[in-house]
Every structure is written in C-alpha cells, then in structure tokens.
C-alpha cells in the first residue's frame, strides 16, 4: 500500500512495471526489448543480524534472452553516503543469489540528490579499484516534465511519475493545472499523485483540483461519480473551511509572500467555502497578501 512520498516513487513501478520501458528512454537511457517485467521479493537479508531491504525489485526478461536481468529501484530523498555501502551490497548479493546481472535505478525529486546519486561508486583501495557501481537515475535533472495535457493523455502512468519527479519544481502548480483534467478520470493514479506530493500547498491544490472534477458521464453511478459525490459530501463536513484557509496561507508562504497577522486572522476566521476557494485561486497570482481581498467589499465580507 502506498503510504508516503518515498514509497510512491518506487511503488508506482509495482503497479505499472512496463513504465520502466517508457520512462527511461525519456531520460536518454536505452531500455532493451523485453518479454516481461516481474516484481520480486525485496528482502535481501542474508543473515538475521543484518537486515537489508531494497525498495523495489524486478526481473526483466529480455527478448532473445530467457534469463534477462534484475532491476533494483531505490527511492532517495536526499544525499546519504551510507547508501553507497547498501547499494553495492544489494548488487553483489543479488548477483550471487539470482545469478543474473543486476542494474540499480535511483528515483528522486530534486536535482541535487539526482546529481549525487548519479556519481559512480568505487570500491577498493587507493592503488586498485575492485568494483564500480554506475547507478541509473530518474529525476527532475534527467526526466523532462510532462506539462502538456495532450502529451499527458498519451500515458497517464508516465504523467503521474513525471508529476512526482518534479514535485519540488517552482512551477508545479501550473503543471498540476495542465495534467489535472487528464488524470482526474483515473482515480487510482490521482490518489498516487496525492500521496506522492506529501503534505503542503501542492497536495492541497491537487485535492482541490480533484474535488472539482466533474464526471464525464454523470447519472450512470460510475466509480468516479461516486467518488466525486463523496468528495463533495465530505466538503460539507466540519473542518473543511479550516483546511481551505490553511491552504491559502500555505500557498502564500510557498510563494514567499509575507502574511501579516491581520491577514492571517481574517483568512482563518472565514467560514464561507466559496470565499475561501476564491482566495485560494487568488493566492496563486497575487503580489501581496492584502490583494486576496480585492473586490470583496467590506472587511467583514469573508467572515461567518
């Protein structure tokens, strides 16, 4: 079960193993013709006192070669020198256990981590290198963002991964605007994006986009229509206004807009969802926090 941004970056491939063959070429990395890609047990523990577990592991059966190769996927949130020890162990152990050539793919969400992860890992002494590891990397530095709705519609799983890989991009909200209508009908991928974005303004904005998504065939009691009704029913529950108010302030903070105490109090005191949604839309473009209230009339118009 996907439970965090870290898990989402590698578990997305368990849901769609063929995604490797579509994403890696986008990053300039050739992927061989294959017959199948099968998830394997991720436990690489050799002896009980030392437990090591790779994030995700797949066996790729290539065309013309029944054996194929192993593809280990590691989700990495920041540079961590200790991972070099783990990764070299994973590859050596997998090679010994399965007798198949192993390949390491690191997935991440920021350029600094991607650059660090792509560096070769050398094992040996000063006079001799016994082993070198060359990780493949999928992240914002190597994978172009999918920012066009037409392109997004061609491959929704690839679009979902692209959103997660660029989750720290300053232009993320604009990307969500473009791909939201395409991903909206695919509830499972929409939920994967929501979890993968983590807590913050981007996730709040994505939830708002998905909450306002209208089913294509209303009145047919489809799964998406039922989900849409549930979201709108939940929107009437206690605490929805408070969540919207927090989202407004989070977006302003993420954009570096200074928020005075009076503005903060006015936003948090508002209980009108329509007004809060208007302010949330404005928060994406205003130059100052006070501009949120432009055209709202008297100061008290946003209160209960």
C-alpha atoms as a PDB file:
ATOM      1  CA  UNK A   1       0.000   0.000   0.000  1.00  0.00           C
ATOM      2  CA  UNK A   2       1.359   3.411  -0.952  1.00  0.00           C
ATOM      3  CA  UNK A   3       1.756   5.382   2.282  1.00  0.00           C
ATOM      4  CA  UNK A   4       4.323   8.150   1.724  1.00  0.00           C
ATOM      5  CA  UNK A   5       6.105  10.189  -0.972  1.00  0.00           C
ATOM      6  CA  UNK A   6       9.153   7.896  -0.559  1.00  0.00           C
ATOM      7  CA  UNK A   7       7.082   4.756  -1.157  1.00  0.00           C
ATOM      8  CA  UNK A   8       5.194   6.277  -4.081  1.00  0.00           C
ATOM      9  CA  UNK A   9       8.331   6.951  -6.129  1.00  0.00           C
ATOM     10  CA  UNK A  10       9.232   3.259  -6.332  1.00  0.00           C
ATOM     11  CA  UNK A  11       5.877   1.505  -5.778  1.00  0.00           C
ATOM     12  CA  UNK A  12       4.436   3.253  -8.811  1.00  0.00           C
ATOM     13  CA  UNK A  13       6.509   0.758 -10.819  1.00  0.00           C
ATOM     14  CA  UNK A  14       4.954  -2.195  -8.992  1.00  0.00           C
ATOM     15  CA  UNK A  15       1.575  -1.008 -10.232  1.00  0.00           C
ATOM     16  CA  UNK A  16       2.885  -0.438 -13.765  1.00  0.00           C
ATOM     17  CA  UNK A  17       6.119  -2.448 -14.342  1.00  0.00           C
ATOM     18  CA  UNK A  18       6.156  -1.624 -18.061  1.00  0.00           C
ATOM     19  CA  UNK A  19       6.598   2.031 -17.092  1.00  0.00           C
ATOM     20  CA  UNK A  20      10.383   1.494 -16.997  1.00  0.00           C
ATOM     21  CA  UNK A  21      10.452   0.913 -20.736  1.00  0.00           C
ATOM     22  CA  UNK A  22       8.578   4.174 -21.358  1.00  0.00           C
ATOM     23  CA  UNK A  23      10.317   6.448 -18.849  1.00  0.00           C
ATOM     24  CA  UNK A  24      13.995   5.553 -19.204  1.00  0.00           C
ATOM     25  CA  UNK A  25      14.183   6.480 -22.919  1.00  0.00           C
ATOM     26  CA  UNK A  26      12.687   9.881 -21.992  1.00  0.00           C
ATOM     27  CA  UNK A  27      15.734  10.346 -19.747  1.00  0.00           C
ATOM     28  CA  UNK A  28      18.121   9.347 -22.555  1.00  0.00           C
ATOM     29  CA  UNK A  29      18.647   5.809 -21.189  1.00  0.00           C
ATOM     30  CA  UNK A  30      18.128   2.906 -23.594  1.00  0.00           C
ATOM     31  CA  UNK A  31      15.936   0.038 -22.399  1.00  0.00           C
ATOM     32  CA  UNK A  32      16.177  -3.351 -24.142  1.00  0.00           C
ATOM     33  CA  UNK A  33      13.316  -5.140 -25.840  1.00  0.00           C
ATOM     34  CA  UNK A  34      11.656  -7.269 -23.177  1.00  0.00           C
ATOM     35  CA  UNK A  35       9.146 -10.079 -22.875  1.00  0.00           C
ATOM     36  CA  UNK A  36       8.020  -9.373 -19.299  1.00  0.00           C
ATOM     37  CA  UNK A  37       8.871  -7.440 -16.140  1.00  0.00           C
ATOM     38  CA  UNK A  38       8.031  -9.234 -12.883  1.00  0.00           C
ATOM     39  CA  UNK A  39       8.180  -7.854  -9.318  1.00  0.00           C
ATOM     40  CA  UNK A  40      10.367  -9.929  -6.963  1.00  0.00           C
ATOM     41  CA  UNK A  41      10.698 -10.216  -3.181  1.00  0.00           C
ATOM     42  CA  UNK A  42      12.532  -7.120  -1.925  1.00  0.00           C
ATOM     43  CA  UNK A  43      14.144  -8.817   1.103  1.00  0.00           C
ATOM     44  CA  UNK A  44      17.913  -9.098   0.577  1.00  0.00           C
ATOM     45  CA  UNK A  45      18.702 -10.229   4.113  1.00  0.00           C
ATOM     46  CA  UNK A  46      21.481 -12.805   4.125  1.00  0.00           C
ATOM     47  CA  UNK A  47      21.838 -13.401   7.859  1.00  0.00           C
ATOM     48  CA  UNK A  48      19.463 -12.388  10.634  1.00  0.00           C
ATOM     49  CA  UNK A  49      21.678  -9.837  12.454  1.00  0.00           C
ATOM     50  CA  UNK A  50      21.986  -7.737   9.280  1.00  0.00           C
ATOM     51  CA  UNK A  51      18.729  -6.892   7.533  1.00  0.00           C
ATOM     52  CA  UNK A  52      18.855  -5.173   4.169  1.00  0.00           C
ATOM     53  CA  UNK A  53      15.814  -4.478   2.034  1.00  0.00           C
ATOM     54  CA  UNK A  54      15.773  -2.862  -1.405  1.00  0.00           C
ATOM     55  CA  UNK A  55      12.777  -0.584  -2.083  1.00  0.00           C
ATOM     56  CA  UNK A  56      11.520  -2.459  -5.164  1.00  0.00           C
ATOM     57  CA  UNK A  57      12.967  -5.294  -7.219  1.00  0.00           C
ATOM     58  CA  UNK A  58      12.020  -6.579 -10.676  1.00  0.00           C
ATOM     59  CA  UNK A  59      13.126  -9.304 -13.042  1.00  0.00           C
ATOM     60  CA  UNK A  60      13.198  -8.142 -16.643  1.00  0.00           C
ATOM     61  CA  UNK A  61      13.034 -10.950 -19.196  1.00  0.00           C
ATOM     62  CA  UNK A  62      14.570  -9.609 -22.375  1.00  0.00           C
ATOM     63  CA  UNK A  63      13.713 -10.679 -25.888  1.00  0.00           C
ATOM     64  CA  UNK A  64      16.008 -13.478 -27.038  1.00  0.00           C
ATOM     65  CA  UNK A  65      17.425 -13.997 -23.534  1.00  0.00           C
ATOM     66  CA  UNK A  66      15.350 -16.066 -21.121  1.00  0.00           C
ATOM     67  CA  UNK A  67      17.477 -15.028 -18.145  1.00  0.00           C
ATOM     68  CA  UNK A  68      17.217 -11.274 -18.579  1.00  0.00           C
ATOM     69  CA  UNK A  69      18.403  -9.037 -15.731  1.00  0.00           C
ATOM     70  CA  UNK A  70      17.419  -7.702 -12.318  1.00  0.00           C
ATOM     71  CA  UNK A  71      16.291  -4.097 -11.834  1.00  0.00           C
ATOM     72  CA  UNK A  72      16.581  -2.735  -8.270  1.00  0.00           C
ATOM     73  CA  UNK A  73      14.742   0.536  -7.622  1.00  0.00           C
ATOM     74  CA  UNK A  74      15.710   2.828  -4.745  1.00  0.00           C
ATOM     75  CA  UNK A  75      13.744   5.959  -3.776  1.00  0.00           C
ATOM     76  CA  UNK A  76      16.108   8.608  -2.430  1.00  0.00           C
ATOM     77  CA  UNK A  77      15.051  11.852  -0.747  1.00  0.00           C
ATOM     78  CA  UNK A  78      18.495  13.339  -0.030  1.00  0.00           C
ATOM     79  CA  UNK A  79      22.206  12.545  -0.455  1.00  0.00           C
ATOM     80  CA  UNK A  80      23.267   9.849   2.009  1.00  0.00           C
ATOM     81  CA  UNK A  81      26.835   8.448   1.830  1.00  0.00           C
ATOM     82  CA  UNK A  82      25.749   5.361   3.802  1.00  0.00           C
ATOM     83  CA  UNK A  83      23.610   4.361   0.833  1.00  0.00           C
ATOM     84  CA  UNK A  84      26.737   3.661  -1.199  1.00  0.00           C
ATOM     85  CA  UNK A  85      27.510   0.744   1.107  1.00  0.00           C
ATOM     86  CA  UNK A  86      23.935  -0.529   0.884  1.00  0.00           C
ATOM     87  CA  UNK A  87      23.736  -0.244  -2.888  1.00  0.00           C
ATOM     88  CA  UNK A  88      26.994  -2.073  -3.558  1.00  0.00           C
ATOM     89  CA  UNK A  89      25.853  -4.811  -1.168  1.00  0.00           C
ATOM     90  CA  UNK A  90      22.465  -5.093  -2.888  1.00  0.00           C
ATOM     91  CA  UNK A  91      24.017  -5.547  -6.316  1.00  0.00           C
ATOM     92  CA  UNK A  92      26.659  -8.041  -5.186  1.00  0.00           C
ATOM     93  CA  UNK A  93      24.131 -10.084  -3.198  1.00  0.00           C
ATOM     94  CA  UNK A  94      21.523 -10.123  -5.980  1.00  0.00           C
ATOM     95  CA  UNK A  95      24.156 -11.236  -8.461  1.00  0.00           C
ATOM     96  CA  UNK A  96      25.214 -14.071  -6.146  1.00  0.00           C
ATOM     97  CA  UNK A  97      21.646 -15.122  -5.267  1.00  0.00           C
ATOM     98  CA  UNK A  98      19.914 -14.944  -8.661  1.00  0.00           C
ATOM     99  CA  UNK A  99      22.928 -15.431 -10.971  1.00  0.00           C
ATOM    100  CA  UNK A 100      21.584 -12.573 -13.107  1.00  0.00           C
ATOM    101  CA  UNK A 101      23.193  -9.203 -13.912  1.00  0.00           C
ATOM    102  CA  UNK A 102      21.757  -6.513 -11.603  1.00  0.00           C
ATOM    103  CA  UNK A 103      21.026  -2.874 -12.507  1.00  0.00           C
ATOM    104  CA  UNK A 104      20.389  -0.100  -9.961  1.00  0.00           C
ATOM    105  CA  UNK A 105      17.850   2.668 -10.683  1.00  0.00           C
ATOM    106  CA  UNK A 106      17.569   5.577  -8.230  1.00  0.00           C
ATOM    107  CA  UNK A 107      14.409   7.753  -8.343  1.00  0.00           C
ATOM    108  CA  UNK A 108      14.336  11.164  -6.676  1.00  0.00           C
ATOM    109  CA  UNK A 109      12.587  14.553  -6.635  1.00  0.00           C
ATOM    110  CA  UNK A 110      15.363  17.175  -6.583  1.00  0.00           C
ATOM    111  CA  UNK A 111      18.347  17.936  -8.788  1.00  0.00           C
ATOM    112  CA  UNK A 112      20.945  17.921  -6.019  1.00  0.00           C
ATOM    113  CA  UNK A 113      20.017  14.386  -4.977  1.00  0.00           C
ATOM    114  CA  UNK A 114      19.869  13.274  -8.614  1.00  0.00           C
ATOM    115  CA  UNK A 115      23.393  14.600  -9.261  1.00  0.00           C
ATOM    116  CA  UNK A 116      24.727  12.887  -6.152  1.00  0.00           C
ATOM    117  CA  UNK A 117      23.000   9.577  -6.954  1.00  0.00           C
ATOM    118  CA  UNK A 118      24.423   9.511 -10.495  1.00  0.00           C
ATOM    119  CA  UNK A 119      28.035   9.622  -9.300  1.00  0.00           C
ATOM    120  CA  UNK A 120      29.934   6.315  -9.788  1.00  0.00           C
ATOM    121  CA  UNK A 121      30.631   4.370  -6.599  1.00  0.00           C
ATOM    122  CA  UNK A 122      34.154   2.951  -6.369  1.00  0.00           C
ATOM    123  CA  UNK A 123      35.046   0.109  -4.036  1.00  0.00           C
ATOM    124  CA  UNK A 124      38.703  -0.729  -3.387  1.00  0.00           C
ATOM    125  CA  UNK A 125      41.951   0.712  -2.122  1.00  0.00           C
ATOM    126  CA  UNK A 126      43.989   3.665  -3.287  1.00  0.00           C
ATOM    127  CA  UNK A 127      46.095   1.514  -5.605  1.00  0.00           C
ATOM    128  CA  UNK A 128      43.271  -0.591  -7.077  1.00  0.00           C
ATOM    129  CA  UNK A 129      39.505  -0.369  -7.722  1.00  0.00           C
ATOM    130  CA  UNK A 130      37.853  -3.733  -7.128  1.00  0.00           C
ATOM    131  CA  UNK A 131      34.348  -2.734  -8.150  1.00  0.00           C
ATOM    132  CA  UNK A 132      32.479   0.253  -9.561  1.00  0.00           C
ATOM    133  CA  UNK A 133      28.741   0.898  -9.497  1.00  0.00           C
ATOM    134  CA  UNK A 134      27.098   3.206 -12.035  1.00  0.00           C
ATOM    135  CA  UNK A 135      23.514   3.951 -10.897  1.00  0.00           C
ATOM    136  CA  UNK A 136      20.842   4.987 -13.370  1.00  0.00           C
ATOM    137  CA  UNK A 137      18.781   7.970 -12.181  1.00  0.00           C
ATOM    138  CA  UNK A 138      15.231   9.139 -12.891  1.00  0.00           C
ATOM    139  CA  UNK A 139      14.503  12.583 -11.513  1.00  0.00           C
ATOM    140  CA  UNK A 140      13.987  16.245 -12.424  1.00  0.00           C
ATOM    141  CA  UNK A 141      17.521  16.535 -13.838  1.00  0.00           C
ATOM    142  CA  UNK A 142      17.179  13.672 -16.317  1.00  0.00           C
ATOM    143  CA  UNK A 143      13.432  13.356 -16.968  1.00  0.00           C
ATOM    144  CA  UNK A 144      11.688  16.222 -18.803  1.00  0.00           C
ATOM    145  CA  UNK A 145       8.457  17.308 -17.114  1.00  0.00           C
ATOM    146  CA  UNK A 146       5.185  16.487 -18.875  1.00  0.00           C
ATOM    147  CA  UNK A 147       3.465  19.876 -18.964  1.00  0.00           C
ATOM    148  CA  UNK A 148       1.066  19.487 -21.871  1.00  0.00           C
ATOM    149  CA  UNK A 149      -2.393  17.963 -21.500  1.00  0.00           C
ATOM    150  CA  UNK A 150      -2.265  16.293 -24.915  1.00  0.00           C
ATOM    151  CA  UNK A 151       1.052  14.626 -24.108  1.00  0.00           C
ATOM    152  CA  UNK A 152      -0.209  13.670 -20.642  1.00  0.00           C
ATOM    153  CA  UNK A 153      -3.233  11.903 -22.119  1.00  0.00           C
ATOM    154  CA  UNK A 154      -0.986   9.568 -24.126  1.00  0.00           C
ATOM    155  CA  UNK A 155       0.444   7.919 -20.989  1.00  0.00           C
ATOM    156  CA  UNK A 156      -1.252   8.642 -17.649  1.00  0.00           C
ATOM    157  CA  UNK A 157       1.140   6.475 -15.537  1.00  0.00           C
ATOM    158  CA  UNK A 158       4.157   8.267 -17.051  1.00  0.00           C
ATOM    159  CA  UNK A 159       2.434  11.579 -16.361  1.00  0.00           C
ATOM    160  CA  UNK A 160       1.872  10.597 -12.729  1.00  0.00           C
ATOM    161  CA  UNK A 161       5.551   9.754 -12.273  1.00  0.00           C
ATOM    162  CA  UNK A 162       6.566  12.965 -14.024  1.00  0.00           C
ATOM    163  CA  UNK A 163       4.491  14.989 -11.543  1.00  0.00           C
ATOM    164  CA  UNK A 164       6.135  13.225  -8.596  1.00  0.00           C
ATOM    165  CA  UNK A 165       9.637  13.609 -10.049  1.00  0.00           C
ATOM    166  CA  UNK A 166       9.058  17.356 -10.398  1.00  0.00           C
ATOM    167  CA  UNK A 167       7.220  17.765  -7.077  1.00  0.00           C
ATOM    168  CA  UNK A 168       9.754  20.401  -5.955  1.00  0.00           C
ATOM    169  CA  UNK A 169       9.603  22.404  -9.190  1.00  0.00           C
ATOM    170  CA  UNK A 170       8.630  26.072  -8.575  1.00  0.00           C
ATOM    171  CA  UNK A 171       6.160  25.772 -11.464  1.00  0.00           C
ATOM    172  CA  UNK A 172       4.468  22.643 -10.094  1.00  0.00           C
ATOM    173  CA  UNK A 173       1.033  24.243  -9.600  1.00  0.00           C
ATOM    174  CA  UNK A 174       0.903  25.197 -13.282  1.00  0.00           C
ATOM    175  CA  UNK A 175       1.826  21.615 -14.197  1.00  0.00           C
ATOM    176  CA  UNK A 176      -0.990  20.308 -11.977  1.00  0.00           C
ATOM    177  CA  UNK A 177      -3.429  22.635 -13.729  1.00  0.00           C
ATOM    178  CA  UNK A 178      -2.487  21.142 -17.097  1.00  0.00           C
ATOM    179  CA  UNK A 179      -2.497  17.452 -16.188  1.00  0.00           C
ATOM    180  CA  UNK A 180      -5.353  17.538 -13.650  1.00  0.00           C
ATOM    181  CA  UNK A 181      -8.197  17.151 -16.194  1.00  0.00           C
ATOM    182  CA  UNK A 182      -6.335  14.231 -17.799  1.00  0.00           C
ATOM    183  CA  UNK A 183      -5.553  12.357 -14.578  1.00  0.00           C
ATOM    184  CA  UNK A 184      -8.892  13.161 -12.911  1.00  0.00           C
ATOM    185  CA  UNK A 185     -10.838  10.270 -14.509  1.00  0.00           C
ATOM    186  CA  UNK A 186      -8.157   7.812 -13.326  1.00  0.00           C
ATOM    187  CA  UNK A 187      -8.839   7.762  -9.594  1.00  0.00           C
ATOM    188  CA  UNK A 188      -6.031   5.349  -8.709  1.00  0.00           C
ATOM    189  CA  UNK A 189      -3.357   7.490 -10.388  1.00  0.00           C
ATOM    190  CA  UNK A 190      -4.882  10.665  -8.929  1.00  0.00           C
ATOM    191  CA  UNK A 191      -4.545   9.160  -5.457  1.00  0.00           C
ATOM    192  CA  UNK A 192      -0.942   8.096  -6.122  1.00  0.00           C
ATOM    193  CA  UNK A 193      -0.086  11.681  -7.045  1.00  0.00           C
ATOM    194  CA  UNK A 194      -1.826  12.978  -3.921  1.00  0.00           C
ATOM    195  CA  UNK A 195       0.157  10.685  -1.624  1.00  0.00           C
ATOM    196  CA  UNK A 196       3.402  11.255  -3.506  1.00  0.00           C
ATOM    197  CA  UNK A 197       3.178  15.034  -3.204  1.00  0.00           C
ATOM    198  CA  UNK A 198       3.330  14.835   0.589  1.00  0.00           C
ATOM    199  CA  UNK A 199       1.950  17.454   2.947  1.00  0.00           C
ATOM    200  CA  UNK A 200       1.976  21.035   1.703  1.00  0.00           C
ATOM    201  CA  UNK A 201       0.432  23.559  -0.714  1.00  0.00           C
ATOM    202  CA  UNK A 202       0.856  21.358  -3.797  1.00  0.00           C
ATOM    203  CA  UNK A 203      -1.095  18.479  -2.238  1.00  0.00           C
ATOM    204  CA  UNK A 204      -3.811  20.873  -1.042  1.00  0.00           C
ATOM    205  CA  UNK A 205      -4.070  22.333  -4.523  1.00  0.00           C
ATOM    206  CA  UNK A 206      -4.200  18.885  -6.135  1.00  0.00           C
ATOM    207  CA  UNK A 207      -7.021  17.855  -3.768  1.00  0.00           C
ATOM    208  CA  UNK A 208      -8.902  20.999  -4.760  1.00  0.00           C
ATOM    209  CA  UNK A 209      -8.470  20.171  -8.454  1.00  0.00           C
ATOM    210  CA  UNK A 210      -9.685  16.599  -7.942  1.00  0.00           C
ATOM    211  CA  UNK A 211     -12.616  17.739  -5.765  1.00  0.00           C
ATOM    212  CA  UNK A 212     -13.909  19.978  -8.548  1.00  0.00           C
ATOM    213  CA  UNK A 213     -13.517  17.317 -11.227  1.00  0.00           C
ATOM    214  CA  UNK A 214     -16.875  16.595 -12.862  1.00  0.00           C
ATOM    215  CA  UNK A 215     -17.564  13.015 -14.093  1.00  0.00           C
ATOM    216  CA  UNK A 216     -17.708  12.623 -17.862  1.00  0.00           C
ATOM    217  CA  UNK A 217     -20.923  10.551 -17.756  1.00  0.00           C
ATOM    218  CA  UNK A 218     -22.976  11.908 -14.822  1.00  0.00           C
ATOM    219  CA  UNK A 219     -26.031   9.913 -13.770  1.00  0.00           C
ATOM    220  CA  UNK A 220     -24.516   6.491 -14.555  1.00  0.00           C
ATOM    221  CA  UNK A 221     -23.307   5.796 -10.990  1.00  0.00           C
ATOM    222  CA  UNK A 222     -19.762   5.135 -12.127  1.00  0.00           C
ATOM    223  CA  UNK A 223     -16.948   4.662  -9.625  1.00  0.00           C
ATOM    224  CA  UNK A 224     -15.611   8.133 -10.436  1.00  0.00           C
ATOM    225  CA  UNK A 225     -19.055   9.683  -9.987  1.00  0.00           C
ATOM    226  CA  UNK A 226     -19.460   8.020  -6.598  1.00  0.00           C
ATOM    227  CA  UNK A 227     -16.011   9.271  -5.586  1.00  0.00           C
ATOM    228  CA  UNK A 228     -16.943  12.753  -6.807  1.00  0.00           C
ATOM    229  CA  UNK A 229     -20.128  12.737  -4.731  1.00  0.00           C
ATOM    230  CA  UNK A 230     -18.226  11.568  -1.674  1.00  0.00           C
ATOM    231  CA  UNK A 231     -15.641  14.324  -2.016  1.00  0.00           C
ATOM    232  CA  UNK A 232     -18.360  16.962  -2.260  1.00  0.00           C
ATOM    233  CA  UNK A 233     -20.251  15.485   0.665  1.00  0.00           C
ATOM    234  CA  UNK A 234     -17.085  15.450   2.736  1.00  0.00           C
ATOM    235  CA  UNK A 235     -16.545  19.066   1.754  1.00  0.00           C
ATOM    236  CA  UNK A 236     -19.585  19.996   3.793  1.00  0.00           C
ATOM    237  CA  UNK A 237     -18.201  18.350   6.906  1.00  0.00           C
ATOM    238  CA  UNK A 238     -16.897  20.313   9.853  1.00  0.00           C
ATOM    239  CA  UNK A 239     -13.358  21.495   9.392  1.00  0.00           C
ATOM    240  CA  UNK A 240     -13.412  21.900   5.599  1.00  0.00           C
ATOM    241  CA  UNK A 241     -13.302  25.673   5.866  1.00  0.00           C
ATOM    242  CA  UNK A 242     -10.327  25.496   8.200  1.00  0.00           C
ATOM    243  CA  UNK A 243      -8.480  23.254   5.726  1.00  0.00           C
ATOM    244  CA  UNK A 244      -9.166  25.682   2.867  1.00  0.00           C
ATOM    245  CA  UNK A 245      -7.960  28.598   4.997  1.00  0.00           C
ATOM    246  CA  UNK A 246      -4.716  26.782   5.800  1.00  0.00           C
ATOM    247  CA  UNK A 247      -4.243  26.013   2.098  1.00  0.00           C
ATOM    248  CA  UNK A 248      -4.500  29.736   1.250  1.00  0.00           C
ATOM    249  CA  UNK A 249      -1.802  30.589   3.787  1.00  0.00           C
ATOM    250  CA  UNK A 250       0.400  27.680   2.690  1.00  0.00           C
ATOM    251  CA  UNK A 251       0.336  28.763  -0.949  1.00  0.00           C
ATOM    252  CA  UNK A 252       1.246  32.331   0.010  1.00  0.00           C
ATOM    253  CA  UNK A 253       4.076  31.058   2.180  1.00  0.00           C
ATOM    254  CA  UNK A 254       5.379  28.745  -0.566  1.00  0.00           C
ATOM    255  CA  UNK A 255       5.454  31.722  -2.958  1.00  0.00           C
ATOM    256  CA  UNK A 256       7.396  33.825  -0.461  1.00  0.00           C
ATOM    257  CA  UNK A 257       4.520  36.281   0.096  1.00  0.00           C
ATOM    258  CA  UNK A 258       4.670  37.958   3.515  1.00  0.00           C
ATOM    259  CA  UNK A 259       1.455  37.438   5.516  1.00  0.00           C
ATOM    260  CA  UNK A 260       0.604  39.929   8.244  1.00  0.00           C
ATOM    261  CA  UNK A 261      -1.149  38.849  11.430  1.00  0.00           C
ATOM    262  CA  UNK A 262      -4.318  40.699  10.405  1.00  0.00           C
ATOM    263  CA  UNK A 263      -4.461  38.862   7.071  1.00  0.00           C
ATOM    264  CA  UNK A 264      -3.803  35.530   8.775  1.00  0.00           C
ATOM    265  CA  UNK A 265      -6.592  36.145  11.299  1.00  0.00           C
ATOM    266  CA  UNK A 266      -9.069  37.174   8.607  1.00  0.00           C
ATOM    267  CA  UNK A 267      -8.360  34.102   6.499  1.00  0.00           C
ATOM    268  CA  UNK A 268      -8.557  31.684   9.432  1.00  0.00           C
ATOM    269  CA  UNK A 269     -11.780  33.289  10.710  1.00  0.00           C
ATOM    270  CA  UNK A 270     -13.579  32.843   7.400  1.00  0.00           C
ATOM    271  CA  UNK A 271     -16.163  30.033   7.328  1.00  0.00           C
ATOM    272  CA  UNK A 272     -17.517  30.610   3.798  1.00  0.00           C
ATOM    273  CA  UNK A 273     -16.138  27.942   1.461  1.00  0.00           C
ATOM    274  CA  UNK A 274     -16.907  29.946  -1.677  1.00  0.00           C
ATOM    275  CA  UNK A 275     -14.931  32.908  -0.377  1.00  0.00           C
ATOM    276  CA  UNK A 276     -12.027  30.685   0.721  1.00  0.00           C
ATOM    277  CA  UNK A 277     -11.922  28.997  -2.676  1.00  0.00           C
ATOM    278  CA  UNK A 278     -11.800  32.427  -4.326  1.00  0.00           C
ATOM    279  CA  UNK A 279      -8.931  33.424  -2.058  1.00  0.00           C
ATOM    280  CA  UNK A 280      -7.129  30.147  -2.795  1.00  0.00           C
ATOM    281  CA  UNK A 281      -7.350  30.857  -6.533  1.00  0.00           C
ATOM    282  CA  UNK A 282      -6.077  34.394  -5.977  1.00  0.00           C
ATOM    283  CA  UNK A 283      -3.221  33.184  -3.769  1.00  0.00           C
ATOM    284  CA  UNK A 284      -1.548  31.685  -6.838  1.00  0.00           C
ATOM    285  CA  UNK A 285      -1.052  35.060  -8.533  1.00  0.00           C
ATOM    286  CA  UNK A 286      -1.332  37.960  -6.053  1.00  0.00           C
ATOM    287  CA  UNK A 287       1.720  40.129  -5.429  1.00  0.00           C
ATOM    288  CA  UNK A 288       0.788  40.800  -1.783  1.00  0.00           C
ATOM    289  CA  UNK A 289      -1.372  39.040   0.804  1.00  0.00           C
ATOM    290  CA  UNK A 290      -3.728  42.026   1.025  1.00  0.00           C
ATOM    291  CA  UNK A 291      -4.645  41.566  -2.657  1.00  0.00           C
ATOM    292  CA  UNK A 292      -6.535  38.420  -1.636  1.00  0.00           C
ATOM    293  CA  UNK A 293      -9.410  40.629  -0.547  1.00  0.00           C
ATOM    294  CA  UNK A 294      -9.548  42.894  -3.592  1.00  0.00           C
ATOM    295  CA  UNK A 295     -13.156  43.259  -4.701  1.00  0.00           C
ATOM    296  CA  UNK A 296     -14.614  41.576  -1.638  1.00  0.00           C
ATOM    297  CA  UNK A 297     -16.288  44.723  -0.351  1.00  0.00           C
ATOM    298  CA  UNK A 298     -16.245  45.485   3.349  1.00  0.00           C
ATOM    299  CA  UNK A 299     -13.592  43.947   5.592  1.00  0.00           C
ATOM    300  CA  UNK A 300     -16.042  41.616   7.228  1.00  0.00           C
ATOM    301  CA  UNK A 301     -17.325  40.085   3.995  1.00  0.00           C
ATOM    302  CA  UNK A 302     -15.264  36.955   4.420  1.00  0.00           C
ATOM    303  CA  UNK A 303     -16.425  36.108   7.934  1.00  0.00           C
ATOM    304  CA  UNK A 304     -19.228  33.842   9.080  1.00  0.00           C
END
